[in-house]
Amino acid sequence: QVQLVESGGGLVQPGGSLRLSCAASGFTFSSAAMSWYRQAPGKEREFVARISRLRYTNYADSVKGRFAISRDNAKNTVYLQMNSLKPGDTAVYYCTREQSGTNDYWGQGTQVTVSS
């Protein structure tokens, strides 16, 4: 069955960096668009970044220029490199698979906390 497992979250100071990973299994990873979303306490889940199967990328305005999404099809893994982190980036980050325009599978999430 489809599984998405995120890792790499943690506590980081403002201005710091983290790299999140999402290991995928149970489907043909190279054929799927993948995205990262996040949900902060008391807020709705929001889009962060997307990478198509052809590696086209797009980002939320709030992270553009600071975050970078990438994929390694040989490892069935999608990454989110997060630089210049701000307290407002604190959230649970989720990896999701897109199929026919719908995010149909989600990982369990990984906590990112940006605080001094």
Protein backbone atom coordinates (compact mmCIF):
# COMPACT_ATOMS: atom_id res chain seq x y z
CA GLN A 1 0.00 0.00 0.00
CA VAL A 2 1.04 3.63 -0.37
CA GLN A 3 3.23 4.90 2.45
CA LEU A 4 4.80 8.31 2.97
CA VAL A 5 7.18 8.73 5.89
CA GLU A 6 8.55 12.15 6.76
CA SER A 7 11.70 12.79 8.77
CA GLY A 8 14.16 15.56 9.52
CA GLY A 9 12.07 17.89 11.65
CA GLY A 10 13.29 19.37 14.90
CA LEU A 11 14.06 22.51 16.86
CA VAL A 12 16.12 25.18 15.10
CA GLN A 13 16.98 28.80 15.85
CA PRO A 14 15.70 31.62 13.66
CA GLY A 15 17.89 31.95 10.59
CA GLY A 16 18.81 28.30 10.69
CA SER A 17 18.24 25.49 8.21
CA LEU A 18 16.63 22.07 8.12
CA ARG A 19 16.16 19.47 5.43
CA LEU A 20 13.02 17.38 5.51
CA SER A 21 12.79 14.03 3.75
CA CYS A 22 9.79 12.00 2.69
CA ALA A 23 10.36 8.36 1.82
CA ALA A 24 7.67 6.95 -0.45
CA SER A 25 6.67 3.38 -1.19
CA GLY A 26 3.81 1.39 -2.68
CA PHE A 27 3.50 3.28 -5.95
CA THR A 28 5.52 4.40 -8.97
CA PHE A 29 7.20 7.38 -7.37
CA SER A 30 8.75 8.77 -10.57
CA SER A 31 5.28 9.18 -12.11
CA ALA A 32 3.79 11.23 -9.29
CA ALA A 33 3.82 14.89 -8.42
CA MET A 34 4.70 15.41 -4.77
CA SER A 35 4.01 18.29 -2.43
CA TRP A 36 4.74 19.58 1.04
CA TYR A 37 2.07 21.18 3.19
CA ARG A 38 2.22 22.50 6.73
CA GLN A 39 -0.15 23.15 9.60
CA ALA A 40 0.57 25.52 12.44
CA PRO A 41 -1.32 25.34 15.76
CA GLY A 42 -4.79 26.80 15.40
CA LYS A 43 -4.43 27.29 11.65
CA GLU A 44 -5.55 25.43 8.56
CA ARG A 45 -3.19 23.26 6.59
CA GLU A 46 -1.47 25.28 3.88
CA PHE A 47 0.48 24.55 0.71
CA VAL A 48 4.25 24.96 0.86
CA ALA A 49 5.83 23.52 -2.30
CA ARG A 50 5.21 21.13 -5.18
CA ILE A 51 7.44 19.25 -7.61
CA SER A 52 6.04 17.62 -10.73
CA ARG A 53 7.22 14.33 -12.17
CA LEU A 54 9.21 16.41 -14.66
CA ARG A 55 10.74 18.38 -11.74
CA TYR A 56 8.88 21.61 -12.33
CA THR A 57 8.51 23.37 -9.00
CA ASN A 58 6.25 25.95 -7.43
CA TYR A 59 6.14 27.52 -3.98
CA ALA A 60 3.96 29.44 -1.62
CA ASP A 61 4.87 33.12 -1.65
CA SER A 62 5.74 32.92 2.05
CA VAL A 63 8.62 30.48 1.40
CA LYS A 64 9.79 31.51 -2.07
CA GLY A 65 13.53 32.12 -2.12
CA ARG A 66 14.05 30.34 1.22
CA PHE A 67 12.79 26.79 0.63
CA ALA A 68 13.68 24.36 -2.15
CA ILE A 69 11.87 21.15 -3.05
CA SER A 70 13.67 18.36 -4.85
CA ARG A 71 13.28 14.68 -5.58
CA ASP A 72 15.49 11.61 -5.97
CA ASN A 73 13.59 9.05 -8.00
CA ALA A 74 16.28 6.42 -7.41
CA LYS A 75 15.60 6.68 -3.67
CA ASN A 76 11.84 7.29 -3.93
CA THR A 77 12.35 10.36 -1.78
CA VAL A 78 11.26 13.98 -1.91
CA TYR A 79 13.10 16.66 0.06
CA LEU A 80 12.38 20.11 1.39
CA GLN A 81 15.43 22.23 2.08
CA MET A 82 14.44 25.05 4.41
CA ASN A 83 16.79 27.99 4.90
CA SER A 84 16.50 31.31 6.74
CA LEU A 85 13.85 29.81 8.96
CA LYS A 86 11.50 32.13 10.85
CA PRO A 87 9.31 31.54 13.89
CA GLY A 88 6.33 31.72 11.51
CA ASP A 89 7.58 28.55 9.82
CA THR A 90 6.82 26.57 12.96
CA ALA A 91 4.35 23.85 12.01
CA VAL A 92 3.86 20.18 11.36
CA TYR A 93 5.07 19.50 7.83
CA TYR A 94 3.33 16.89 5.70
CA CYS A 95 4.34 15.14 2.51
CA THR A 96 1.60 14.28 0.05
CA ARG A 97 1.20 12.48 -3.25
CA GLU A 98 -0.82 14.06 -6.03
CA GLN A 99 -2.84 11.79 -8.29
CA SER A 100 -5.17 13.16 -10.98
CA GLY A 101 -5.08 16.57 -9.35
CA THR A 102 -5.92 15.30 -5.88
CA ASN A 103 -3.63 14.90 -2.89
CA ASP A 104 -4.75 11.39 -2.09
CA TYR A 105 -2.14 10.15 0.40
CA TRP A 106 -0.49 11.98 3.27
CA GLY A 107 2.34 11.17 5.63
CA GLN A 108 2.08 11.39 9.40
CA GLY A 109 3.94 14.69 9.55
CA THR A 110 7.13 15.94 11.12
CA GLN A 111 7.32 18.81 13.62
CA VAL A 112 9.43 21.86 12.81
CA THR A 113 9.90 24.39 15.59
CA VAL A 114 11.77 27.65 14.99
CA SER A 115 12.60 29.33 18.26
CA SER A 116 15.47 30.91 20.12
